[in-house]
């Protein structure tokens, strides 16, 4: 791509600035996620236990709190003195998954921004980067649900009797929407790459 097809100087500087901003935000996010990692498996673990409105009312009425807990509107923050292996796996897995997903997603976004600044956004590979980025929200969505369930599965019996222990999960479908949106960008880039190949060599 020649210089006449590249963004102007001001646009390039703005894109480079956006890439740097994404990198800074991601670094802060990774630090925050890393701070959530448990330091040792022998330490008491703080587990955020999702609860329904009915369960919240039942807890307020019965207060069967054998472990220190803080009751919020839709969750209970429980301190588990001796976390199980599954809870430790969930407590480690969720922040590590966040670090990986944020890092990969940011790396792909920065690469596409740099390609856009250099005027190579429709060169081969951009569509593949976008399609790869579309997978990241799905990985986070599924992995986060798995690790959350590992954390809370054994914590419910600390607070609830058999009648009130069941919790119906509500699905947040926003990651699916993000996947479709990013995949649409990948499709647009794929069309652009094909058009560029078809017009190469023309005046």
C-alpha atoms as a PDB file:
ATOM      1  CA  UNK A   1       0.000   0.000   0.000  1.00  0.00           C
ATOM      2  CA  UNK A   2       1.511   3.362  -1.011  1.00  0.00           C
ATOM      3  CA  UNK A   3       1.634   6.564   1.073  1.00  0.00           C
ATOM      4  CA  UNK A   4      -1.494   7.990  -0.569  1.00  0.00           C
ATOM      5  CA  UNK A   5      -3.520   5.144   0.916  1.00  0.00           C
ATOM      6  CA  UNK A   6      -2.129   5.493   4.423  1.00  0.00           C
ATOM      7  CA  UNK A   7      -3.964   7.523   7.093  1.00  0.00           C
ATOM      8  CA  UNK A   8      -2.825  11.106   7.544  1.00  0.00           C
ATOM      9  CA  UNK A   9      -0.194  12.003  10.125  1.00  0.00           C
ATOM     10  CA  UNK A  10      -2.758  13.155  12.689  1.00  0.00           C
ATOM     11  CA  UNK A  11      -4.796   9.968  12.238  1.00  0.00           C
ATOM     12  CA  UNK A  12      -1.702   7.809  12.577  1.00  0.00           C
ATOM     13  CA  UNK A  13      -0.711   9.579  15.792  1.00  0.00           C
ATOM     14  CA  UNK A  14      -4.236   9.090  17.138  1.00  0.00           C
ATOM     15  CA  UNK A  15      -4.117   5.373  16.308  1.00  0.00           C
ATOM     16  CA  UNK A  16      -0.694   4.968  17.915  1.00  0.00           C
ATOM     17  CA  UNK A  17      -2.052   6.787  20.971  1.00  0.00           C
ATOM     18  CA  UNK A  18      -5.030   4.440  21.105  1.00  0.00           C
ATOM     19  CA  UNK A  19      -2.723   1.438  20.920  1.00  0.00           C
ATOM     20  CA  UNK A  20      -0.623   2.821  23.786  1.00  0.00           C
ATOM     21  CA  UNK A  21      -3.783   3.527  25.817  1.00  0.00           C
ATOM     22  CA  UNK A  22      -5.031  -0.025  25.266  1.00  0.00           C
ATOM     23  CA  UNK A  23      -1.673  -1.323  26.451  1.00  0.00           C
ATOM     24  CA  UNK A  24      -1.775   0.805  29.618  1.00  0.00           C
ATOM     25  CA  UNK A  25      -5.347  -0.206  30.458  1.00  0.00           C
ATOM     26  CA  UNK A  26      -4.503  -3.863  29.891  1.00  0.00           C
ATOM     27  CA  UNK A  27      -1.453  -3.645  32.128  1.00  0.00           C
ATOM     28  CA  UNK A  28      -3.607  -2.189  34.899  1.00  0.00           C
ATOM     29  CA  UNK A  29      -6.187  -4.938  34.362  1.00  0.00           C
ATOM     30  CA  UNK A  30      -3.544  -7.659  34.546  1.00  0.00           C
ATOM     31  CA  UNK A  31      -2.171  -6.204  37.792  1.00  0.00           C
ATOM     32  CA  UNK A  32      -5.699  -6.104  39.242  1.00  0.00           C
ATOM     33  CA  UNK A  33      -6.371  -9.704  38.188  1.00  0.00           C
ATOM     34  CA  UNK A  34      -3.041 -10.863  39.584  1.00  0.00           C
ATOM     35  CA  UNK A  35      -3.862  -9.249  42.942  1.00  0.00           C
ATOM     36  CA  UNK A  36      -6.911 -11.544  43.170  1.00  0.00           C
ATOM     37  CA  UNK A  37      -4.745 -14.673  43.150  1.00  0.00           C
ATOM     38  CA  UNK A  38      -4.704 -16.520  46.495  1.00  0.00           C
ATOM     39  CA  UNK A  39      -1.267 -16.432  48.078  1.00  0.00           C
ATOM     40  CA  UNK A  40      -1.399 -19.918  49.602  1.00  0.00           C
ATOM     41  CA  UNK A  41      -3.816 -22.815  49.575  1.00  0.00           C
ATOM     42  CA  UNK A  42      -3.738 -23.001  53.374  1.00  0.00           C
ATOM     43  CA  UNK A  43      -5.089 -19.466  53.849  1.00  0.00           C
ATOM     44  CA  UNK A  44      -8.819 -18.773  54.307  1.00  0.00           C
ATOM     45  CA  UNK A  45     -10.474 -18.047  50.977  1.00  0.00           C
ATOM     46  CA  UNK A  46     -13.007 -15.300  50.240  1.00  0.00           C
ATOM     47  CA  UNK A  47     -15.682 -16.686  47.926  1.00  0.00           C
ATOM     48  CA  UNK A  48     -18.396 -14.550  46.281  1.00  0.00           C
ATOM     49  CA  UNK A  49     -21.499 -16.745  46.343  1.00  0.00           C
ATOM     50  CA  UNK A  50     -24.324 -15.669  43.964  1.00  0.00           C
ATOM     51  CA  UNK A  51     -27.758 -15.831  45.603  1.00  0.00           C
ATOM     52  CA  UNK A  52     -31.307 -15.316  44.403  1.00  0.00           C
ATOM     53  CA  UNK A  53     -33.741 -12.864  45.989  1.00  0.00           C
ATOM     54  CA  UNK A  54     -35.495 -15.754  47.737  1.00  0.00           C
ATOM     55  CA  UNK A  55     -32.230 -17.065  49.152  1.00  0.00           C
ATOM     56  CA  UNK A  56     -31.261 -13.580  50.319  1.00  0.00           C
ATOM     57  CA  UNK A  57     -34.574 -13.215  52.176  1.00  0.00           C
ATOM     58  CA  UNK A  58     -34.146 -16.684  53.705  1.00  0.00           C
ATOM     59  CA  UNK A  59     -30.653 -15.805  54.942  1.00  0.00           C
ATOM     60  CA  UNK A  60     -31.918 -12.605  56.521  1.00  0.00           C
ATOM     61  CA  UNK A  61     -34.698 -14.490  58.275  1.00  0.00           C
ATOM     62  CA  UNK A  62     -32.692 -17.511  59.406  1.00  0.00           C
ATOM     63  CA  UNK A  63     -29.112 -16.226  59.535  1.00  0.00           C
ATOM     64  CA  UNK A  64     -27.496 -19.695  59.536  1.00  0.00           C
ATOM     65  CA  UNK A  65     -23.987 -18.320  59.214  1.00  0.00           C
ATOM     66  CA  UNK A  66     -21.435 -20.913  60.342  1.00  0.00           C
ATOM     67  CA  UNK A  67     -18.695 -19.008  58.500  1.00  0.00           C
ATOM     68  CA  UNK A  68     -18.022 -15.242  58.354  1.00  0.00           C
ATOM     69  CA  UNK A  69     -20.158 -13.797  55.588  1.00  0.00           C
ATOM     70  CA  UNK A  70     -21.213 -10.442  54.174  1.00  0.00           C
ATOM     71  CA  UNK A  71     -24.681 -10.395  52.612  1.00  0.00           C
ATOM     72  CA  UNK A  72     -25.244  -8.188  49.536  1.00  0.00           C
ATOM     73  CA  UNK A  73     -28.265  -7.855  47.274  1.00  0.00           C
ATOM     74  CA  UNK A  74     -27.325 -10.667  44.892  1.00  0.00           C
ATOM     75  CA  UNK A  75     -24.329 -12.335  46.517  1.00  0.00           C
ATOM     76  CA  UNK A  76     -22.802 -13.424  49.799  1.00  0.00           C
ATOM     77  CA  UNK A  77     -19.098 -12.971  50.459  1.00  0.00           C
ATOM     78  CA  UNK A  78     -18.121 -16.071  52.424  1.00  0.00           C
ATOM     79  CA  UNK A  79     -14.825 -16.757  54.173  1.00  0.00           C
ATOM     80  CA  UNK A  80     -13.910 -20.438  53.862  1.00  0.00           C
ATOM     81  CA  UNK A  81     -11.298 -21.419  56.437  1.00  0.00           C
ATOM     82  CA  UNK A  82     -10.256 -24.628  54.679  1.00  0.00           C
ATOM     83  CA  UNK A  83     -10.929 -24.306  50.937  1.00  0.00           C
ATOM     84  CA  UNK A  84     -11.283 -27.509  48.957  1.00  0.00           C
ATOM     85  CA  UNK A  85      -9.119 -28.416  45.989  1.00  0.00           C
ATOM     86  CA  UNK A  86     -11.939 -27.399  43.632  1.00  0.00           C
ATOM     87  CA  UNK A  87     -12.282 -24.002  45.312  1.00  0.00           C
ATOM     88  CA  UNK A  88      -8.552 -23.385  45.102  1.00  0.00           C
ATOM     89  CA  UNK A  89      -8.631 -24.323  41.414  1.00  0.00           C
ATOM     90  CA  UNK A  90     -11.479 -21.863  40.842  1.00  0.00           C
ATOM     91  CA  UNK A  91      -9.810 -19.090  42.850  1.00  0.00           C
ATOM     92  CA  UNK A  92      -6.598 -19.476  40.846  1.00  0.00           C
ATOM     93  CA  UNK A  93      -8.201 -20.247  37.509  1.00  0.00           C
ATOM     94  CA  UNK A  94     -10.536 -17.270  37.222  1.00  0.00           C
ATOM     95  CA  UNK A  95      -7.926 -14.487  37.585  1.00  0.00           C
ATOM     96  CA  UNK A  96      -5.421 -16.414  35.466  1.00  0.00           C
ATOM     97  CA  UNK A  97      -8.063 -16.804  32.762  1.00  0.00           C
ATOM     98  CA  UNK A  98      -8.754 -13.073  32.969  1.00  0.00           C
ATOM     99  CA  UNK A  99      -5.049 -12.306  32.549  1.00  0.00           C
ATOM    100  CA  UNK A 100      -4.771 -14.578  29.495  1.00  0.00           C
ATOM    101  CA  UNK A 101      -7.970 -13.341  27.822  1.00  0.00           C
ATOM    102  CA  UNK A 102      -7.218  -9.670  28.454  1.00  0.00           C
ATOM    103  CA  UNK A 103      -3.628 -10.083  27.294  1.00  0.00           C
ATOM    104  CA  UNK A 104      -4.531 -11.956  24.109  1.00  0.00           C
ATOM    105  CA  UNK A 105      -7.449  -9.649  23.290  1.00  0.00           C
ATOM    106  CA  UNK A 106      -5.361  -6.537  23.842  1.00  0.00           C
ATOM    107  CA  UNK A 107      -2.477  -7.903  21.802  1.00  0.00           C
ATOM    108  CA  UNK A 108      -4.789  -8.573  18.874  1.00  0.00           C
ATOM    109  CA  UNK A 109      -6.431  -5.139  19.181  1.00  0.00           C
ATOM    110  CA  UNK A 110      -3.063  -3.366  19.311  1.00  0.00           C
ATOM    111  CA  UNK A 111      -1.816  -5.317  16.279  1.00  0.00           C
ATOM    112  CA  UNK A 112      -4.895  -4.315  14.254  1.00  0.00           C
ATOM    113  CA  UNK A 113      -4.548  -0.673  15.338  1.00  0.00           C
ATOM    114  CA  UNK A 114      -0.901  -0.653  14.234  1.00  0.00           C
ATOM    115  CA  UNK A 115      -1.847  -2.229  10.891  1.00  0.00           C
ATOM    116  CA  UNK A 116      -4.489   0.444  10.463  1.00  0.00           C
ATOM    117  CA  UNK A 117      -1.988   3.204  11.278  1.00  0.00           C
ATOM    118  CA  UNK A 118       0.525   1.786   8.781  1.00  0.00           C
ATOM    119  CA  UNK A 119      -2.061   1.379   6.035  1.00  0.00           C
ATOM    120  CA  UNK A 120      -1.782  -2.412   5.983  1.00  0.00           C
ATOM    121  CA  UNK A 121      -5.137  -3.275   7.537  1.00  0.00           C
ATOM    122  CA  UNK A 122      -6.277  -5.086   4.366  1.00  0.00           C
ATOM    123  CA  UNK A 123      -3.085  -7.089   4.005  1.00  0.00           C
ATOM    124  CA  UNK A 124      -3.259 -10.852   4.569  1.00  0.00           C
ATOM    125  CA  UNK A 125      -3.730 -11.859   8.195  1.00  0.00           C
ATOM    126  CA  UNK A 126      -5.923  -9.076   9.531  1.00  0.00           C
ATOM    127  CA  UNK A 127      -9.133 -11.086   9.168  1.00  0.00           C
ATOM    128  CA  UNK A 128      -7.554 -14.048  10.951  1.00  0.00           C
ATOM    129  CA  UNK A 129      -6.560 -11.778  13.830  1.00  0.00           C
ATOM    130  CA  UNK A 130     -10.137 -10.524  14.133  1.00  0.00           C
ATOM    131  CA  UNK A 131     -11.597 -14.029  14.011  1.00  0.00           C
ATOM    132  CA  UNK A 132      -9.162 -15.111  16.712  1.00  0.00           C
ATOM    133  CA  UNK A 133     -10.258 -12.112  18.767  1.00  0.00           C
ATOM    134  CA  UNK A 134     -13.879 -13.201  18.373  1.00  0.00           C
ATOM    135  CA  UNK A 135     -13.084 -16.427  20.207  1.00  0.00           C
ATOM    136  CA  UNK A 136     -11.702 -14.630  23.282  1.00  0.00           C
ATOM    137  CA  UNK A 137     -15.084 -13.523  24.759  1.00  0.00           C
ATOM    138  CA  UNK A 138     -16.433 -17.068  24.393  1.00  0.00           C
ATOM    139  CA  UNK A 139     -13.395 -18.543  26.148  1.00  0.00           C
ATOM    140  CA  UNK A 140     -13.839 -16.046  28.992  1.00  0.00           C
ATOM    141  CA  UNK A 141     -17.601 -16.692  29.176  1.00  0.00           C
ATOM    142  CA  UNK A 142     -17.345 -20.472  29.435  1.00  0.00           C
ATOM    143  CA  UNK A 143     -14.201 -20.519  31.575  1.00  0.00           C
ATOM    144  CA  UNK A 144     -15.536 -17.931  33.999  1.00  0.00           C
ATOM    145  CA  UNK A 145     -18.720 -19.941  34.594  1.00  0.00           C
ATOM    146  CA  UNK A 146     -16.709 -23.112  35.197  1.00  0.00           C
ATOM    147  CA  UNK A 147     -14.294 -21.480  37.646  1.00  0.00           C
ATOM    148  CA  UNK A 148     -17.120 -19.672  39.472  1.00  0.00           C
ATOM    149  CA  UNK A 149     -18.972 -22.945  39.949  1.00  0.00           C
ATOM    150  CA  UNK A 150     -15.802 -24.571  41.293  1.00  0.00           C
ATOM    151  CA  UNK A 151     -15.516 -21.791  43.859  1.00  0.00           C
ATOM    152  CA  UNK A 152     -19.093 -21.846  45.101  1.00  0.00           C
ATOM    153  CA  UNK A 153     -20.115 -25.508  44.822  1.00  0.00           C
ATOM    154  CA  UNK A 154     -18.886 -26.484  48.299  1.00  0.00           C
ATOM    155  CA  UNK A 155     -19.590 -23.078  49.863  1.00  0.00           C
ATOM    156  CA  UNK A 156     -23.369 -23.258  49.535  1.00  0.00           C
ATOM    157  CA  UNK A 157     -23.713 -25.996  52.105  1.00  0.00           C
ATOM    158  CA  UNK A 158     -22.098 -23.679  54.665  1.00  0.00           C
ATOM    159  CA  UNK A 159     -25.072 -21.322  54.487  1.00  0.00           C
ATOM    160  CA  UNK A 160     -28.101 -23.156  53.122  1.00  0.00           C
ATOM    161  CA  UNK A 161     -30.102 -26.203  54.018  1.00  0.00           C
ATOM    162  CA  UNK A 162     -30.979 -28.746  51.304  1.00  0.00           C
ATOM    163  CA  UNK A 163     -34.221 -26.929  50.476  1.00  0.00           C
ATOM    164  CA  UNK A 164     -32.627 -23.547  49.735  1.00  0.00           C
ATOM    165  CA  UNK A 165     -29.223 -24.632  48.422  1.00  0.00           C
ATOM    166  CA  UNK A 166     -30.158 -24.751  44.720  1.00  0.00           C
ATOM    167  CA  UNK A 167     -29.311 -21.643  42.685  1.00  0.00           C
ATOM    168  CA  UNK A 168     -30.553 -21.139  39.119  1.00  0.00           C
ATOM    169  CA  UNK A 169     -27.766 -19.479  37.150  1.00  0.00           C
ATOM    170  CA  UNK A 170     -28.692 -16.542  34.939  1.00  0.00           C
ATOM    171  CA  UNK A 171     -26.738 -16.424  31.695  1.00  0.00           C
ATOM    172  CA  UNK A 172     -25.069 -13.194  30.650  1.00  0.00           C
ATOM    173  CA  UNK A 173     -25.156 -13.322  26.854  1.00  0.00           C
ATOM    174  CA  UNK A 174     -23.139 -10.139  26.290  1.00  0.00           C
ATOM    175  CA  UNK A 175     -19.943 -12.128  25.476  1.00  0.00           C
ATOM    176  CA  UNK A 176     -21.870 -13.843  22.666  1.00  0.00           C
ATOM    177  CA  UNK A 177     -22.878 -10.432  21.302  1.00  0.00           C
ATOM    178  CA  UNK A 178     -19.236  -9.332  21.436  1.00  0.00           C
ATOM    179  CA  UNK A 179     -18.222 -12.486  19.559  1.00  0.00           C
ATOM    180  CA  UNK A 180     -20.683 -11.774  16.738  1.00  0.00           C
ATOM    181  CA  UNK A 181     -19.623  -8.098  16.585  1.00  0.00           C
ATOM    182  CA  UNK A 182     -15.903  -8.930  16.372  1.00  0.00           C
ATOM    183  CA  UNK A 183     -16.592 -11.696  13.855  1.00  0.00           C
ATOM    184  CA  UNK A 184     -18.455  -9.139  11.713  1.00  0.00           C
ATOM    185  CA  UNK A 185     -15.303  -6.971  11.747  1.00  0.00           C
ATOM    186  CA  UNK A 186     -13.321 -10.034  10.684  1.00  0.00           C
ATOM    187  CA  UNK A 187     -15.732 -10.643   7.809  1.00  0.00           C
ATOM    188  CA  UNK A 188     -15.368  -7.028   6.656  1.00  0.00           C
ATOM    189  CA  UNK A 189     -11.577  -7.349   6.781  1.00  0.00           C
ATOM    190  CA  UNK A 190     -11.740 -10.626   4.846  1.00  0.00           C
ATOM    191  CA  UNK A 191     -13.781  -8.938   2.114  1.00  0.00           C
ATOM    192  CA  UNK A 192     -11.294  -6.056   2.073  1.00  0.00           C
ATOM    193  CA  UNK A 193      -8.359  -8.445   1.762  1.00  0.00           C
ATOM    194  CA  UNK A 194     -10.052 -10.241  -1.152  1.00  0.00           C
ATOM    195  CA  UNK A 195     -10.825  -6.962  -2.929  1.00  0.00           C
ATOM    196  CA  UNK A 196      -7.231  -5.840  -2.459  1.00  0.00           C
ATOM    197  CA  UNK A 197      -5.913  -9.082  -3.971  1.00  0.00           C
ATOM    198  CA  UNK A 198      -8.334  -8.831  -6.888  1.00  0.00           C
ATOM    199  CA  UNK A 199      -7.316  -5.253  -7.667  1.00  0.00           C
ATOM    200  CA  UNK A 200      -3.548  -5.729  -7.259  1.00  0.00           C
ATOM    201  CA  UNK A 201      -1.748  -4.819 -10.429  1.00  0.00           C
ATOM    202  CA  UNK A 202      -4.558  -2.588 -11.681  1.00  0.00           C
ATOM    203  CA  UNK A 203      -4.016   1.110 -12.219  1.00  0.00           C
END
